[in-house]
């Protein structure tokens, strides 16, 4: 494999600041239709604002944050132009998320020396399209994960090429948050002192599989540099659309929403096991008097959590004008994509503490300090019991 990752840092924020130059340098959060944060500027992130926070939570973290609705149509137009510019080379191109795409170079270049001029030319083309304020960062390797990690390490307007012989040295010190694992899995690894890809790669494979399932097993292979995923220019689902007939017809949103989620539950679970998610789905509704409506749900980033799909579909059903009772619903998963890596926040997104930690605290108050949280002290100490320091959860503060 030979994979180039082209990444435009803060793509959505940059587009918004281009429309409103007075926002530049100020804490800014873009909200989706459900008033959840879709993107946050570096200044907002420094204050603790994170993706998927509610508007109220973002304001609590950063009282000066500017809140604005995401112009999805305008951003999608720029995203299509970005991907189209990369596709002008005639090679397979796969969009991962906003401002991030993979290009398959195996037919034209397989070494850093031959890849460099191609990367430089693609970078110039993207820069001409988007301007200097949205200069891309380029990363290259034999697999998607390392290529994406390399692009994250490169400054805007620069490239980072990782040769096969240098992969392990490059990967080992990088954060595990580069892996698109669920936030709870990342949090559990952090509690155990596993913070880098090298540490995660050295864990026993059987233990990782038992603890984190198929997704954890796959993520560990990526952390070890074994990423043989091909660049797919059209990442779509193979299964046929699922149709649901309502007898008797209904004018209630709840049964329609539950029927849609029931049809999506199995595909979403299968995608999650492969560290992928739904990027776009369509609902075709047919009413008793013969009229039809189409709901096209495009997510800001690929999602596999049912709760996020539920919120989006529920919102679309509520704002749709129903001409009559619904007779038939057809659900089609149109496009999928690789899950976006999550960054752990200093504070929990939800205001309440973790249910697991809260339970341990309650039990500790009754039975004493019997529940402990490990913290890595010296990973190279020859004695295992000296590598970690265990603190009683009853006396720990939750962050």
Protein backbone atom coordinates (compact mmCIF):
# COMPACT_ATOMS: atom_id res chain seq x y z
CA UNK A 1 0.00 0.00 0.00
CA UNK A 2 0.98 3.62 -0.52
CA UNK A 3 -1.45 6.09 1.10
CA UNK A 4 -1.42 9.86 1.19
CA UNK A 5 -3.56 11.66 3.77
CA UNK A 6 -4.39 15.28 2.95
CA UNK A 7 -5.69 17.17 5.98
CA UNK A 8 -6.86 20.77 6.23
CA UNK A 9 -6.65 21.67 9.95
CA UNK A 10 -9.81 23.24 11.38
CA UNK A 11 -11.55 23.06 8.01
CA UNK A 12 -15.04 24.04 9.23
CA UNK A 13 -13.75 26.78 11.52
CA UNK A 14 -11.60 28.21 8.73
CA UNK A 15 -14.56 28.40 6.36
CA UNK A 16 -16.68 30.14 9.00
CA UNK A 17 -13.94 32.66 9.80
CA UNK A 18 -13.56 33.40 6.10
CA UNK A 19 -17.23 34.43 6.01
CA UNK A 20 -16.90 36.43 9.24
CA UNK A 21 -13.30 37.72 9.56
CA UNK A 22 -14.12 39.35 12.91
CA UNK A 23 -14.35 35.83 14.42
CA UNK A 24 -10.68 35.08 13.76
CA UNK A 25 -8.65 34.56 16.93
CA UNK A 26 -11.75 34.35 19.11
CA UNK A 27 -13.27 31.24 20.75
CA UNK A 28 -15.84 29.90 18.28
CA UNK A 29 -18.12 26.85 18.24
CA UNK A 30 -20.23 25.74 15.30
CA UNK A 31 -23.52 24.00 16.16
CA UNK A 32 -25.47 21.39 14.21
CA UNK A 33 -29.25 21.24 13.87
CA UNK A 34 -29.51 19.65 17.33
CA UNK A 35 -27.48 22.50 18.88
CA UNK A 36 -24.51 20.26 19.51
CA UNK A 37 -20.95 21.42 18.87
CA UNK A 38 -19.75 20.19 15.47
CA UNK A 39 -16.43 22.06 15.46
CA UNK A 40 -14.53 24.29 17.87
CA UNK A 41 -11.72 26.75 17.23
CA UNK A 42 -8.32 26.24 18.94
CA UNK A 43 -9.14 29.10 21.32
CA UNK A 44 -12.41 27.40 22.32
CA UNK A 45 -10.73 24.00 22.73
CA UNK A 46 -8.17 25.51 25.09
CA UNK A 47 -11.07 26.49 27.36
CA UNK A 48 -12.49 22.96 27.34
CA UNK A 49 -15.07 23.16 24.53
CA UNK A 50 -15.33 19.82 22.73
CA UNK A 51 -17.31 18.24 19.91
CA UNK A 52 -20.79 16.95 20.87
CA UNK A 53 -21.17 19.33 23.80
CA UNK A 54 -24.47 21.14 24.01
CA UNK A 55 -24.51 24.91 23.53
CA UNK A 56 -25.09 25.37 27.26
CA UNK A 57 -22.14 23.16 28.17
CA UNK A 58 -19.89 25.01 25.75
CA UNK A 59 -20.85 28.34 27.34
CA UNK A 60 -20.17 26.94 30.80
CA UNK A 61 -16.67 25.89 29.73
CA UNK A 62 -16.02 29.18 27.90
CA UNK A 63 -18.36 32.09 28.72
CA UNK A 64 -16.91 34.17 25.85
CA UNK A 65 -17.46 31.50 23.18
CA UNK A 66 -19.20 32.60 19.98
CA UNK A 67 -21.95 30.19 18.93
CA UNK A 68 -23.06 29.93 15.30
CA UNK A 69 -25.04 27.41 13.29
CA UNK A 70 -22.98 25.34 10.86
CA UNK A 71 -23.78 26.15 7.23
CA UNK A 72 -23.82 22.52 6.12
CA UNK A 73 -24.71 23.21 2.49
CA UNK A 74 -21.88 25.71 1.97
CA UNK A 75 -19.38 23.48 3.79
CA UNK A 76 -20.45 20.46 1.75
CA UNK A 77 -19.86 22.43 -1.43
CA UNK A 78 -16.30 23.25 -0.34
CA UNK A 79 -15.75 19.66 0.80
CA UNK A 80 -16.81 18.36 -2.62
CA UNK A 81 -14.47 20.83 -4.30
CA UNK A 82 -11.63 19.73 -2.00
CA UNK A 83 -12.15 16.03 -2.77
CA UNK A 84 -12.63 16.81 -6.45
CA UNK A 85 -9.32 18.65 -6.59
CA UNK A 86 -7.52 15.61 -5.18
CA UNK A 87 -9.39 13.34 -7.62
CA UNK A 88 -8.08 15.30 -10.61
CA UNK A 89 -4.98 13.12 -10.47
CA UNK A 90 -7.09 10.15 -11.59
CA UNK A 91 -6.26 8.08 -8.49
CA UNK A 92 -8.74 6.65 -5.94
CA UNK A 93 -9.73 9.24 -3.33
CA UNK A 94 -11.67 8.54 -0.13
CA UNK A 95 -13.05 11.33 2.05
CA UNK A 96 -12.70 10.56 5.76
CA UNK A 97 -14.30 13.64 7.29
CA UNK A 98 -14.42 17.41 6.72
CA UNK A 99 -11.12 18.52 5.20
CA UNK A 100 -9.51 15.06 5.43
CA UNK A 101 -9.13 12.59 2.56
CA UNK A 102 -6.96 9.63 1.56
CA UNK A 103 -5.37 9.17 -1.87
CA UNK A 104 -4.19 5.75 -3.09
CA UNK A 105 -0.70 6.23 -4.61
CA UNK A 106 0.31 2.58 -4.99
CA UNK A 107 -0.02 2.69 -8.79
CA UNK A 108 2.35 5.66 -9.16
CA UNK A 109 4.70 5.80 -6.15
CA UNK A 110 5.73 3.51 -3.28
CA UNK A 111 8.78 5.21 -1.73
CA UNK A 112 9.23 8.53 -0.02
CA UNK A 113 11.53 9.79 -2.78
CA UNK A 114 8.95 9.17 -5.53
CA UNK A 115 5.99 10.27 -3.38
CA UNK A 116 7.41 13.67 -2.42
CA UNK A 117 6.88 15.51 -5.74
CA UNK A 118 3.33 14.11 -6.05
CA UNK A 119 2.48 15.27 -2.54
CA UNK A 120 3.95 18.70 -3.22
CA UNK A 121 1.85 19.13 -6.36
CA UNK A 122 -1.38 18.01 -4.64
CA UNK A 123 -0.67 20.35 -1.75
CA UNK A 124 -0.28 23.26 -4.17
CA UNK A 125 -3.57 22.41 -5.90
CA UNK A 126 -5.48 22.33 -2.61
CA UNK A 127 -3.84 25.56 -1.52
CA UNK A 128 -4.87 27.27 -4.76
CA UNK A 129 -8.45 26.10 -4.16
CA UNK A 130 -8.81 26.97 -0.47
CA UNK A 131 -6.24 29.74 -0.03
CA UNK A 132 -3.31 30.20 2.34
CA UNK A 133 -5.51 30.35 5.45
CA UNK A 134 -6.59 26.75 4.82
CA UNK A 135 -3.24 25.30 3.80
CA UNK A 136 -3.20 21.46 3.98
CA UNK A 137 -0.94 19.19 6.00
CA UNK A 138 0.17 16.05 4.15
CA UNK A 139 1.15 12.66 5.56
CA UNK A 140 2.25 9.51 3.75
CA UNK A 141 2.85 5.87 4.68
CA UNK A 142 1.88 2.35 3.65
CA UNK A 143 -1.32 2.43 5.77
CA UNK A 144 -4.16 4.83 6.54
CA UNK A 145 -3.57 5.25 10.28
CA UNK A 146 0.09 6.23 10.02
CA UNK A 147 -0.62 8.47 7.03
CA UNK A 148 -3.32 10.27 9.05
CA UNK A 149 -1.04 10.48 12.09
CA UNK A 150 1.76 11.86 9.91
CA UNK A 151 -0.55 14.54 8.52
CA UNK A 152 -1.51 15.48 12.10
CA UNK A 153 2.18 15.91 12.98
CA UNK A 154 2.92 18.09 9.93
CA UNK A 155 2.45 21.85 10.06
CA UNK A 156 0.07 23.49 7.56
CA UNK A 157 1.78 23.76 4.21
CA UNK A 158 4.22 20.94 5.04
CA UNK A 159 4.39 17.16 4.64
CA UNK A 160 5.57 14.23 6.76
CA UNK A 161 6.62 11.06 4.93
CA UNK A 162 7.09 7.88 6.99
CA UNK A 163 9.08 5.06 5.43
CA UNK A 164 8.18 1.46 6.28
CA UNK A 165 11.43 0.98 8.22
CA UNK A 166 10.62 4.00 10.41
CA UNK A 167 6.98 3.14 11.23
CA UNK A 168 7.51 1.64 14.69
CA UNK A 169 9.73 4.51 15.90
CA UNK A 170 7.20 7.02 14.58
CA UNK A 171 4.12 5.32 16.07
CA UNK A 172 5.34 4.36 19.55
CA UNK A 173 5.30 7.81 21.25
CA UNK A 174 2.02 8.98 19.68
CA UNK A 175 -1.14 9.29 21.76
CA UNK A 176 -3.74 6.51 21.81
CA UNK A 177 -6.35 9.18 21.07
CA UNK A 178 -5.34 8.81 17.42
CA UNK A 179 -7.28 5.54 17.46
CA UNK A 180 -11.03 5.91 16.80
CA UNK A 181 -11.94 3.88 19.90
CA UNK A 182 -14.99 4.77 22.03
CA UNK A 183 -14.29 7.39 24.68
CA UNK A 184 -14.95 4.90 27.50
CA UNK A 185 -12.28 2.53 26.10
CA UNK A 186 -9.78 5.39 25.85
CA UNK A 187 -10.61 6.43 29.40
CA UNK A 188 -10.09 2.89 30.73
CA UNK A 189 -6.72 2.64 28.97
CA UNK A 190 -5.69 5.98 30.45
CA UNK A 191 -6.62 4.79 33.93
CA UNK A 192 -4.28 1.84 33.39
CA UNK A 193 -1.46 4.15 32.36
CA UNK A 194 -1.70 3.24 28.67
CA UNK A 195 -1.34 6.59 26.92
CA UNK A 196 0.75 5.88 23.81
CA UNK A 197 0.34 3.66 20.76
CA UNK A 198 3.52 1.82 21.68
CA UNK A 199 2.16 0.87 25.11
CA UNK A 200 -1.14 -0.23 23.60
CA UNK A 201 0.64 -2.28 20.92
CA UNK A 202 2.61 -4.18 23.57
CA UNK A 203 -0.48 -5.29 25.51
CA UNK A 204 -1.39 -9.01 25.21
CA UNK A 205 -3.64 -9.37 22.16
CA UNK A 206 -5.96 -11.82 23.94
CA UNK A 207 -6.52 -9.43 26.85
CA UNK A 208 -7.29 -6.55 24.47
CA UNK A 209 -9.78 -8.68 22.55
CA UNK A 210 -11.51 -9.84 25.76
CA UNK A 211 -11.73 -6.31 27.15
CA UNK A 212 -12.52 -4.22 24.07
CA UNK A 213 -13.87 -6.75 21.55
CA UNK A 214 -13.30 -6.81 17.82
CA UNK A 215 -12.86 -3.04 17.60
CA UNK A 216 -10.05 -3.15 20.20
CA UNK A 217 -8.36 -6.03 18.40
CA UNK A 218 -8.44 -4.12 15.12
CA UNK A 219 -7.19 -0.92 16.77
CA UNK A 220 -4.22 -2.77 18.26
CA UNK A 221 -3.26 -4.10 14.84
CA UNK A 222 -3.27 -0.52 13.56
CA UNK A 223 -1.15 0.58 16.55
CA UNK A 224 1.38 -2.08 15.53
CA UNK A 225 1.51 -0.67 12.01
CA UNK A 226 -0.59 -3.47 10.47
CA UNK A 227 -3.13 -1.46 8.53
CA UNK A 228 -3.93 -3.06 5.18
CA UNK A 229 -7.18 -1.19 4.50
CA UNK A 230 -7.44 -0.05 0.93
CA UNK A 231 -8.52 3.42 -0.14
CA UNK A 232 -12.15 3.09 -1.22
CA UNK A 233 -13.48 5.93 -3.40
CA UNK A 234 -17.08 5.00 -2.58
CA UNK A 235 -17.56 3.64 0.94
CA UNK A 236 -21.16 2.46 0.76
CA UNK A 237 -23.11 -0.28 2.44
CA UNK A 238 -23.90 -3.43 0.48
CA UNK A 239 -27.21 -4.40 2.19
CA UNK A 240 -30.45 -3.48 0.43
CA UNK A 241 -32.79 -0.85 1.90
CA UNK A 242 -35.06 -2.02 4.72
CA UNK A 243 -38.78 -1.37 4.28
CA UNK A 244 -41.32 -1.17 7.12
CA UNK A 245 -45.10 -1.22 6.58
CA UNK A 246 -47.35 0.38 9.20
CA UNK A 247 -50.67 -1.39 9.67
CA UNK A 248 -52.65 0.57 10.60
CA UNK A 249 -50.94 3.72 9.23
CA UNK A 250 -49.66 6.15 11.82
CA UNK A 251 -49.26 9.89 12.24
CA UNK A 252 -47.07 9.53 15.38
CA UNK A 253 -43.34 10.24 15.28
CA UNK A 254 -42.33 7.75 17.97
CA UNK A 255 -43.21 4.46 16.21
CA UNK A 256 -41.64 5.73 12.98
CA UNK A 257 -38.45 6.71 14.80
CA UNK A 258 -38.24 3.34 16.57
CA UNK A 259 -38.82 1.47 13.31
CA UNK A 260 -36.00 3.41 11.63
CA UNK A 261 -33.61 2.75 14.51
CA UNK A 262 -34.54 -0.94 14.55
CA UNK A 263 -33.59 -1.18 10.86
CA UNK A 264 -30.27 0.59 11.50
CA UNK A 265 -29.27 -1.17 14.73
CA UNK A 266 -27.56 -4.19 13.15
CA UNK A 267 -25.67 -2.23 10.43
CA UNK A 268 -24.47 0.32 12.99
CA UNK A 269 -23.19 -2.46 15.26
CA UNK A 270 -21.33 -4.11 12.38
CA UNK A 271 -19.78 -0.78 11.41
CA UNK A 272 -18.66 -0.09 15.00
CA UNK A 273 -16.79 -3.41 15.11
CA UNK A 274 -14.81 -2.24 12.07
CA UNK A 275 -14.25 1.24 13.58
CA UNK A 276 -16.52 2.75 10.94
CA UNK A 277 -19.72 4.75 11.11
CA UNK A 278 -22.63 6.10 9.10
CA UNK A 279 -21.96 9.30 7.19
CA UNK A 280 -25.22 9.56 5.28
CA UNK A 281 -28.60 7.81 5.36
CA UNK A 282 -31.95 8.30 3.64
CA UNK A 283 -35.52 7.78 4.78
CA UNK A 284 -38.21 7.38 2.12
CA UNK A 285 -41.71 7.93 3.49
CA UNK A 286 -44.92 7.03 1.65
CA UNK A 287 -48.24 8.32 2.97
CA UNK A 288 -51.74 6.86 2.65
CA UNK A 289 -52.92 9.34 0.04
CA UNK A 290 -49.98 8.44 -2.24
CA UNK A 291 -47.59 11.34 -1.64
CA UNK A 292 -43.95 10.75 -0.68
CA UNK A 293 -41.26 12.56 1.28
CA UNK A 294 -37.49 12.00 1.45
CA UNK A 295 -35.31 12.72 4.47
CA UNK A 296 -31.59 12.87 3.75
CA UNK A 297 -29.46 12.83 6.91
CA UNK A 298 -25.82 13.84 6.44
CA UNK A 299 -23.70 13.67 9.58
CA UNK A 300 -20.86 16.07 10.27
CA UNK A 301 -18.66 13.04 10.92
CA UNK A 302 -19.26 9.27 10.66
CA UNK A 303 -21.26 8.00 13.65
CA UNK A 304 -21.94 4.56 15.06
CA UNK A 305 -23.66 5.54 18.32
CA UNK A 306 -27.40 4.93 18.19
CA UNK A 307 -28.05 7.94 20.44
CA UNK A 308 -26.58 10.37 17.90
CA UNK A 309 -28.47 8.79 15.02
CA UNK A 310 -31.66 8.92 17.10
CA UNK A 311 -31.25 12.63 17.81
CA UNK A 312 -30.74 13.50 14.14
CA UNK A 313 -33.55 11.32 12.77
CA UNK A 314 -35.95 12.49 15.49
CA UNK A 315 -35.24 16.13 14.65
CA UNK A 316 -35.81 15.55 10.93
CA UNK A 317 -39.11 13.75 11.54
CA UNK A 318 -40.36 16.56 13.78
CA UNK A 319 -39.64 19.35 11.29
CA UNK A 320 -41.07 17.40 8.34
CA UNK A 321 -44.54 18.38 7.19
CA UNK A 322 -46.70 15.23 7.17
CA UNK A 323 -49.51 15.41 4.57
CA UNK A 324 -51.29 12.35 6.02
CA UNK A 325 -50.73 9.17 7.99
CA UNK A 326 -47.57 7.24 7.15
CA UNK A 327 -48.00 3.91 5.39
CA UNK A 328 -44.48 2.76 4.46
CA UNK A 329 -40.97 3.65 5.59
CA UNK A 330 -37.80 2.66 3.74
CA UNK A 331 -34.39 3.12 5.37
CA UNK A 332 -31.21 3.19 3.26
CA UNK A 333 -27.66 3.55 4.57
CA UNK A 334 -26.07 5.46 1.71
CA UNK A 335 -22.52 6.15 2.83
CA UNK A 336 -20.13 5.08 5.56
CA UNK A 337 -16.68 6.17 6.65
CA UNK A 338 -13.90 5.69 9.15
CA UNK A 339 -14.71 6.92 12.65
CA UNK A 340 -12.99 10.11 13.74
CA UNK A 341 -10.47 9.80 16.56
CA UNK A 342 -11.71 11.29 19.84
CA UNK A 343 -9.76 13.58 22.14
CA UNK A 344 -10.24 13.04 25.86
CA UNK A 345 -11.42 16.18 27.61
CA UNK A 346 -10.19 17.51 30.92
CA UNK A 347 -13.76 17.55 32.19
CA UNK A 348 -16.57 15.17 31.42
CA UNK A 349 -18.88 16.46 28.67
CA UNK A 350 -21.89 15.56 30.77
CA UNK A 351 -22.12 17.47 33.98
CA UNK A 352 -22.53 14.39 36.17
CA UNK A 353 -19.57 12.18 37.02
CA UNK A 354 -18.91 8.76 35.48
CA UNK A 355 -21.48 6.20 36.73
CA UNK A 356 -18.68 3.69 37.41
CA UNK A 357 -16.68 6.15 39.51
CA UNK A 358 -19.80 7.35 41.33
CA UNK A 359 -20.73 3.76 42.20
CA UNK A 360 -17.22 3.11 43.53
CA UNK A 361 -17.45 6.24 45.68
CA UNK A 362 -20.77 5.18 47.20
CA UNK A 363 -19.44 1.72 48.00
CA UNK A 364 -16.22 3.22 49.41
CA UNK A 365 -18.18 5.36 51.84
CA UNK A 366 -19.88 2.23 53.15
CA UNK A 367 -17.07 -0.34 53.01
CA UNK A 368 -13.95 1.83 53.19
CA UNK A 369 -11.16 2.35 50.68
CA UNK A 370 -11.45 -0.92 48.74
CA UNK A 371 -11.62 0.56 45.23
CA UNK A 372 -8.50 1.98 43.63
CA UNK A 373 -7.48 3.79 40.45
CA UNK A 374 -4.00 3.05 39.00
CA UNK A 375 -1.55 5.73 37.86
CA UNK A 376 1.63 4.95 35.93
CA UNK A 377 4.73 6.03 37.85
CA UNK A 378 7.66 4.30 36.12
CA UNK A 379 6.89 2.07 33.15
CA UNK A 380 10.49 0.72 33.08
CA UNK A 381 10.72 -0.37 36.71
CA UNK A 382 11.76 -4.05 36.90
CA UNK A 383 9.17 -4.76 39.61
CA UNK A 384 5.56 -4.72 38.33
CA UNK A 385 4.21 -3.54 41.68
CA UNK A 386 6.42 -0.45 41.49
CA UNK A 387 5.32 0.62 38.03
CA UNK A 388 1.91 1.84 39.19
CA UNK A 389 0.64 3.85 42.12
CA UNK A 390 -2.91 3.03 43.22
CA UNK A 391 -5.06 5.80 44.69
CA UNK A 392 -8.30 5.14 46.56
CA UNK A 393 -11.31 6.31 44.51
CA UNK A 394 -13.00 7.54 47.67
CA UNK A 395 -10.35 10.23 48.02
CA UNK A 396 -9.95 11.03 44.28
CA UNK A 397 -11.64 13.96 42.61
CA UNK A 398 -13.36 13.22 39.32
CA UNK A 399 -12.17 15.19 36.29
